[in-house]
Amino acid sequence: MTLAEELRKRILILDGATGTEIQARGIQYDGNNDALPLTHPDIIRDIHQSYVNAGADIIITCTFGANRISQEGYGMSGQIREMNLSAAKIAREVADGCSDRKVFVMGGIGPTAKSLTIIELMADPSETVDFNCMKASYAEQAEALIDGGADGFLVETITDLRNAEAALEAISDVQKKRGLHLPVMISATLMNVGACLMTGSTVQDFITFAEKYDPVCIGLNCSFGAKDMIPYIREIAASAKCAVSVYPNAGLPTAHGYCDGPCVTADAIEEMAREGLINVAGGCCGTTPEHIREIAGRLSAVTPRQY
């Protein structure tokens, strides 16, 4: 059964936050989560397993910033292939170990530490990153994720459509070269309830842009709490020609952590589901296996959005 086929049959459950779970385990490291599949593979394996046990049908590789541009600050830009390969293999092992259902592994691709829109507006001659450089960085990541066994790609937390264009063009080129057609999910993040990406693009701008790449699913992640995302998911669901996903933060961060517990997040996601808006649901920053378990339980008998 392919991901596209499953999305029409039931609401698929995506995993939750990785960073929260890493911090909860109290390991000593420099904050570079993407290095952990190399240095602490058992920690990453355990996190994936905790989400599968909670009901996740889709797990995301620990590769959000595993690209040459983002890793320069950590001095690890020469280990990109190893990072992505290891992360994908760990997720693949966990997914294949699930005996009661198919679990999909999506190669997680984040926005990098640079914004092409800002770089291009500034026209700074000292800037070393341009569109072709970023595209090459993403292609290197995509190659390794495929070799590690990813079922597809999740280009996520999009804050700049130019960065996303570089990622999606790179994925397309790599797939053409290999004769593949793996599914691609695309997810943006809103900076505030004014409903814009960091670089000013609107939700409608995002929809128009994303659908050029024939994704299996588009949606929103991170941003703010699930309840505040409802109107924007409605906007996407009203016009998207593919599946729709939502995986919000557990509310906004406070001095004591994220403010929305499992039931608060699940209440809003269940509202979206029963309104017929979504095909994929999960969690982003601050969410835990308990959030995913609550979401999975609420949505198990809810019909997915028809498209």
Protein backbone atom coordinates (compact mmCIF):
# COMPACT_ATOMS: atom_id res chain seq x y z
CA MET A 1 0.00 0.00 0.00
CA THR A 2 1.46 3.37 -1.03
CA LEU A 3 1.35 6.54 1.04
CA ALA A 4 -1.00 8.15 -1.50
CA GLU A 5 -3.40 5.21 -1.22
CA GLU A 6 -3.34 5.22 2.58
CA LEU A 7 -4.07 8.96 2.73
CA ARG A 8 -7.42 8.40 1.05
CA LYS A 9 -8.39 5.57 3.40
CA ARG A 10 -7.74 7.01 6.85
CA ILE A 11 -6.17 9.91 8.72
CA LEU A 12 -2.51 9.05 9.14
CA ILE A 13 -0.73 9.97 12.37
CA LEU A 14 2.59 11.75 12.16
CA ASP A 15 5.11 11.65 14.99
CA GLY A 16 5.82 14.46 17.45
CA ALA A 17 8.76 16.63 18.45
CA THR A 18 12.28 15.25 18.46
CA GLY A 19 14.01 18.09 20.30
CA THR A 20 11.72 17.86 23.32
CA GLU A 21 12.40 14.16 23.65
CA ILE A 22 16.17 14.61 23.28
CA GLN A 23 16.18 17.21 26.05
CA ALA A 24 14.06 14.97 28.26
CA ARG A 25 16.74 12.31 28.10
CA GLY A 26 19.33 14.68 29.59
CA ILE A 27 22.24 13.85 27.31
CA GLN A 28 25.22 16.20 27.08
CA TYR A 29 25.66 17.58 23.56
CA ASP A 30 26.13 20.87 21.70
CA GLY A 31 22.54 21.27 20.56
CA ASN A 32 23.14 19.80 17.11
CA ASN A 33 20.28 17.30 17.01
CA ASP A 34 21.21 16.18 13.50
CA ALA A 35 24.53 14.76 14.70
CA LEU A 36 22.83 12.43 17.18
CA PRO A 37 22.08 9.63 14.68
CA LEU A 38 25.88 9.34 14.47
CA THR A 39 26.84 9.94 18.09
CA HIS A 40 23.79 8.62 19.99
CA PRO A 41 21.89 6.32 17.61
CA ASP A 42 20.15 4.50 20.47
CA ILE A 43 18.57 7.76 21.66
CA ILE A 44 17.15 8.50 18.21
CA ARG A 45 15.97 4.90 17.78
CA ASP A 46 14.20 5.06 21.14
CA ILE A 47 12.45 8.33 20.24
CA HIS A 48 11.18 6.92 16.95
CA GLN A 49 10.02 3.78 18.74
CA SER A 50 8.16 5.80 21.38
CA TYR A 51 6.16 7.55 18.66
CA VAL A 52 5.41 4.33 16.78
CA ASN A 53 4.25 2.80 20.07
CA ALA A 54 2.00 5.85 20.54
CA GLY A 55 0.34 5.26 17.17
CA ALA A 56 2.43 7.13 14.59
CA ASP A 57 2.03 5.91 11.01
CA ILE A 58 4.71 8.28 9.71
CA ILE A 59 8.07 8.99 11.36
CA ILE A 60 10.40 11.76 10.26
CA THR A 61 14.15 11.23 10.09
CA CYS A 62 16.28 13.28 12.50
CA THR A 63 17.73 15.36 9.66
CA PHE A 64 16.00 18.75 9.92
CA GLY A 65 19.30 20.64 9.66
CA ALA A 66 21.45 17.87 8.19
CA ASN A 67 22.59 19.95 5.23
CA ARG A 68 25.94 21.51 4.38
CA ILE A 69 24.78 25.10 4.99
CA SER A 70 23.34 24.51 8.45
CA GLN A 71 26.18 22.25 9.56
CA GLU A 72 28.95 24.73 8.77
CA GLY A 73 28.39 26.34 12.17
CA TYR A 74 29.06 23.01 13.87
CA GLY A 75 32.11 22.13 11.76
CA MET A 76 30.31 19.07 10.39
CA SER A 77 29.66 20.07 6.79
CA GLY A 78 31.90 17.22 5.64
CA GLN A 79 29.69 14.58 7.28
CA ILE A 80 26.37 15.29 5.58
CA ARG A 81 26.06 11.95 3.82
CA GLU A 82 26.87 10.00 6.97
CA MET A 83 24.38 12.00 9.07
CA ASN A 84 21.48 11.51 6.68
CA LEU A 85 22.33 7.90 5.89
CA SER A 86 22.50 6.97 9.56
CA ALA A 87 19.29 8.83 10.42
CA ALA A 88 17.33 7.19 7.62
CA LYS A 89 18.60 3.72 8.47
CA ILE A 90 17.61 4.12 12.13
CA ALA A 91 14.10 5.26 11.21
CA ARG A 92 13.81 2.48 8.61
CA GLU A 93 14.76 -0.14 11.20
CA VAL A 94 12.09 1.10 13.61
CA ALA A 95 9.43 1.34 10.91
CA ASP A 96 10.15 -2.14 9.59
CA GLY A 97 9.95 -3.54 13.11
CA CYS A 98 6.29 -2.56 13.42
CA SER A 99 4.27 -5.73 12.87
CA ASP A 100 0.68 -4.48 13.07
CA ARG A 101 0.70 -1.77 10.39
CA LYS A 102 2.74 -0.06 7.71
CA VAL A 103 4.90 2.76 9.07
CA PHE A 104 6.30 5.23 6.55
CA VAL A 105 9.69 6.94 6.86
CA MET A 106 9.83 10.48 5.50
CA GLY A 107 13.18 12.19 5.06
CA GLY A 108 12.95 15.43 7.03
CA ILE A 109 14.32 18.49 5.24
CA GLY A 110 14.33 21.85 7.01
CA PRO A 111 14.84 25.41 5.76
CA THR A 112 18.61 25.73 6.52
CA ALA A 113 20.14 28.54 8.56
CA LYS A 114 19.92 30.99 5.64
CA SER A 115 17.07 32.77 3.82
CA LEU A 116 17.53 33.07 0.06
CA THR A 117 14.88 35.80 -0.14
CA ILE A 118 16.78 37.96 2.33
CA ILE A 119 20.14 37.16 0.72
CA GLU A 120 18.83 38.11 -2.72
CA LEU A 121 17.22 41.32 -1.44
CA MET A 122 20.41 42.38 0.36
CA ALA A 123 22.64 41.58 -2.66
CA ASP A 124 25.58 41.29 -0.25
CA PRO A 125 28.75 40.49 -2.27
CA SER A 126 30.28 38.77 0.76
CA GLU A 127 27.44 36.23 0.99
CA THR A 128 28.58 32.80 -0.19
CA VAL A 129 25.17 31.11 -0.42
CA ASP A 130 23.03 31.43 -3.53
CA PHE A 131 20.21 29.41 -5.08
CA ASN A 132 22.50 26.92 -6.84
CA CYS A 133 24.58 26.43 -3.68
CA MET A 134 21.48 25.74 -1.62
CA LYS A 135 20.04 23.42 -4.25
CA ALA A 136 23.29 21.43 -4.31
CA SER A 137 23.22 21.21 -0.50
CA TYR A 138 19.69 19.81 -0.57
CA ALA A 139 20.54 17.38 -3.38
CA GLU A 140 23.37 15.94 -1.27
CA GLN A 141 20.92 15.43 1.59
CA ALA A 142 18.23 13.89 -0.62
CA GLU A 143 20.67 11.38 -2.14
CA ALA A 144 21.68 10.08 1.28
CA LEU A 145 18.11 9.90 2.57
CA ILE A 146 17.15 7.74 -0.40
CA ASP A 147 20.16 5.49 0.13
CA GLY A 148 19.22 5.13 3.80
CA GLY A 149 15.77 3.82 2.91
CA ALA A 150 13.41 6.80 3.22
CA ASP A 151 9.98 6.25 1.64
CA GLY A 152 9.74 9.89 0.61
CA PHE A 153 10.50 13.44 1.70
CA LEU A 154 8.97 15.98 4.04
CA VAL A 155 10.09 19.52 3.20
CA GLU A 156 8.97 21.17 6.41
CA THR A 157 8.86 24.33 8.50
CA ILE A 158 9.02 26.39 5.32
CA THR A 159 9.65 30.04 6.15
CA ASP A 160 10.95 31.12 2.73
CA LEU A 161 9.50 29.89 -0.56
CA ARG A 162 12.84 30.42 -2.32
CA ASN A 163 14.53 27.98 0.06
CA ALA A 164 11.67 25.55 -0.47
CA GLU A 165 12.05 25.94 -4.23
CA ALA A 166 15.72 24.99 -3.95
CA ALA A 167 14.83 21.91 -1.88
CA LEU A 168 12.01 20.77 -4.15
CA GLU A 169 14.00 21.32 -7.34
CA ALA A 170 16.87 19.33 -5.83
CA ILE A 171 14.56 16.47 -4.86
CA SER A 172 13.01 16.47 -8.33
CA ASP A 173 16.42 16.35 -10.05
CA VAL A 174 17.68 13.56 -7.80
CA GLN A 175 14.54 11.49 -8.40
CA LYS A 176 14.73 11.99 -12.18
CA LYS A 177 18.36 10.93 -12.19
CA ARG A 178 17.49 7.75 -10.28
CA GLY A 179 14.23 7.02 -12.06
CA LEU A 180 12.23 7.37 -8.85
CA HIS A 181 8.91 8.98 -7.93
CA LEU A 182 8.90 8.96 -4.15
CA PRO A 183 6.14 10.99 -2.47
CA VAL A 184 6.84 14.50 -1.24
CA MET A 185 5.04 16.24 1.61
CA ILE A 186 5.34 20.03 1.92
CA SER A 187 4.65 21.96 5.13
CA ALA A 188 4.98 25.67 5.91
CA THR A 189 5.11 27.52 9.21
CA LEU A 190 3.33 30.78 10.02
CA MET A 191 5.18 33.37 12.05
CA ASN A 192 2.10 34.83 13.78
CA VAL A 193 -1.67 34.90 13.61
CA GLY A 194 -1.34 37.43 10.78
CA ALA A 195 -0.92 34.29 8.67
CA CYS A 196 2.33 35.04 6.85
CA LEU A 197 5.55 33.11 6.44
CA MET A 198 8.71 34.80 7.73
CA THR A 199 9.39 36.36 4.32
CA GLY A 200 5.85 37.69 3.91
CA SER A 201 4.23 35.03 1.72
CA THR A 202 0.57 34.33 2.50
CA VAL A 203 -1.12 30.97 2.96
CA GLN A 204 -2.54 31.25 -0.56
CA ASP A 205 0.94 32.03 -1.93
CA PHE A 206 2.15 28.85 -0.26
CA ILE A 207 -0.68 26.72 -1.70
CA THR A 208 -0.08 28.02 -5.23
CA PHE A 209 3.66 27.47 -4.92
CA ALA A 210 3.49 23.99 -3.38
CA GLU A 211 1.04 22.50 -5.84
CA LYS A 212 3.45 23.13 -8.73
CA TYR A 213 5.50 20.23 -7.38
CA ASP A 214 2.72 17.63 -7.38
CA PRO A 215 3.01 16.85 -3.66
CA VAL A 216 1.16 14.00 -2.02
CA CYS A 217 0.29 16.35 0.84
CA ILE A 218 0.59 20.00 1.86
CA GLY A 219 -0.08 21.67 5.17
CA LEU A 220 1.19 23.61 8.16
CA ASN A 221 3.46 22.73 11.07
CA CYS A 222 5.13 24.42 14.02
CA SER A 223 3.64 27.96 14.08
CA PHE A 224 1.53 28.16 17.28
CA GLY A 225 -1.07 26.10 19.08
CA ALA A 226 -3.47 23.82 17.21
CA LYS A 227 -6.59 25.89 17.92
CA ASP A 228 -5.12 29.03 16.34
CA MET A 229 -4.22 27.04 13.20
CA ILE A 230 -7.82 26.02 12.44
CA PRO A 231 -8.71 28.96 10.12
CA TYR A 232 -5.55 28.50 8.07
CA ILE A 233 -6.07 24.76 7.70
CA ARG A 234 -9.59 25.57 6.52
CA GLU A 235 -8.08 27.85 3.89
CA ILE A 236 -5.73 25.14 2.66
CA ALA A 237 -8.41 22.44 2.72
CA ALA A 238 -10.77 24.61 0.68
CA SER A 239 -8.50 24.62 -2.36
CA ALA A 240 -5.79 21.94 -2.05
CA LYS A 241 -5.89 19.27 -4.74
CA CYS A 242 -3.96 16.83 -2.56
CA ALA A 243 -3.99 15.63 1.05
CA VAL A 244 -3.74 18.17 3.88
CA SER A 245 -1.56 17.86 6.99
CA VAL A 246 -1.37 19.66 10.32
CA TYR A 247 1.21 19.18 13.06
CA PRO A 248 1.28 22.20 15.37
CA ASN A 249 3.36 23.16 18.35
CA ALA A 250 2.03 22.32 21.78
CA GLY A 251 1.02 25.95 22.11
CA LEU A 252 3.56 28.71 22.60
CA PRO A 253 6.70 28.21 24.70
CA THR A 254 6.83 29.64 28.22
CA ALA A 255 9.47 29.70 30.92
CA HIS A 256 8.05 26.37 32.07
CA GLY A 257 7.81 24.69 28.66
CA TYR A 258 5.05 24.50 26.09
CA CYS A 259 1.59 25.32 27.38
CA ASP A 260 -0.79 22.94 25.53
CA GLY A 261 -1.12 19.46 26.97
CA PRO A 262 -2.17 16.39 24.96
CA CYS A 263 -5.92 16.94 25.39
CA VAL A 264 -5.79 20.62 24.42
CA THR A 265 -3.88 19.84 21.22
CA ALA A 266 -6.05 16.82 20.43
CA ASP A 267 -9.27 18.79 20.98
CA ALA A 268 -8.40 21.24 18.21
CA ILE A 269 -7.05 18.59 15.84
CA GLU A 270 -10.17 16.50 16.38
CA GLU A 271 -12.26 19.56 15.48
CA MET A 272 -10.35 19.89 12.21
CA ALA A 273 -10.72 16.19 11.49
CA ARG A 274 -14.46 16.07 12.14
CA GLU A 275 -14.87 19.11 9.90
CA GLY A 276 -13.29 17.06 7.10
CA LEU A 277 -10.18 19.23 6.76
CA ILE A 278 -7.21 16.88 7.21
CA ASN A 279 -5.54 13.65 6.12
CA VAL A 280 -2.43 13.75 8.34
CA ALA A 281 -2.13 14.91 11.96
CA GLY A 282 0.74 14.99 14.41
CA GLY A 283 2.80 17.34 16.54
CA CYS A 284 5.73 19.71 16.34
CA CYS A 285 7.68 21.59 19.03
CA GLY A 286 6.78 20.62 22.57
CA THR A 287 4.63 17.63 21.66
CA THR A 288 5.37 14.24 23.17
CA PRO A 289 4.37 10.61 22.69
CA GLU A 290 1.43 11.37 24.99
CA HIS A 291 0.21 14.04 22.56
CA ILE A 292 0.49 11.60 19.65
CA ARG A 293 -1.29 8.84 21.58
CA GLU A 294 -4.18 11.19 22.38
CA ILE A 295 -4.42 12.42 18.78
CA ALA A 296 -4.30 8.87 17.40
CA GLY A 297 -7.04 7.72 19.74
CA ARG A 298 -9.32 10.61 18.88
CA LEU A 299 -8.92 10.23 15.10
CA SER A 300 -8.96 6.45 14.71
CA ALA A 301 -12.55 6.35 13.49
CA VAL A 302 -12.76 9.75 11.78
CA THR A 303 -13.05 9.82 7.98
CA PRO A 304 -10.18 11.62 6.21
CA ARG A 305 -10.66 14.69 4.04
CA GLN A 306 -11.88 13.80 0.56
CA TYR A 307 -10.04 15.27 -2.40
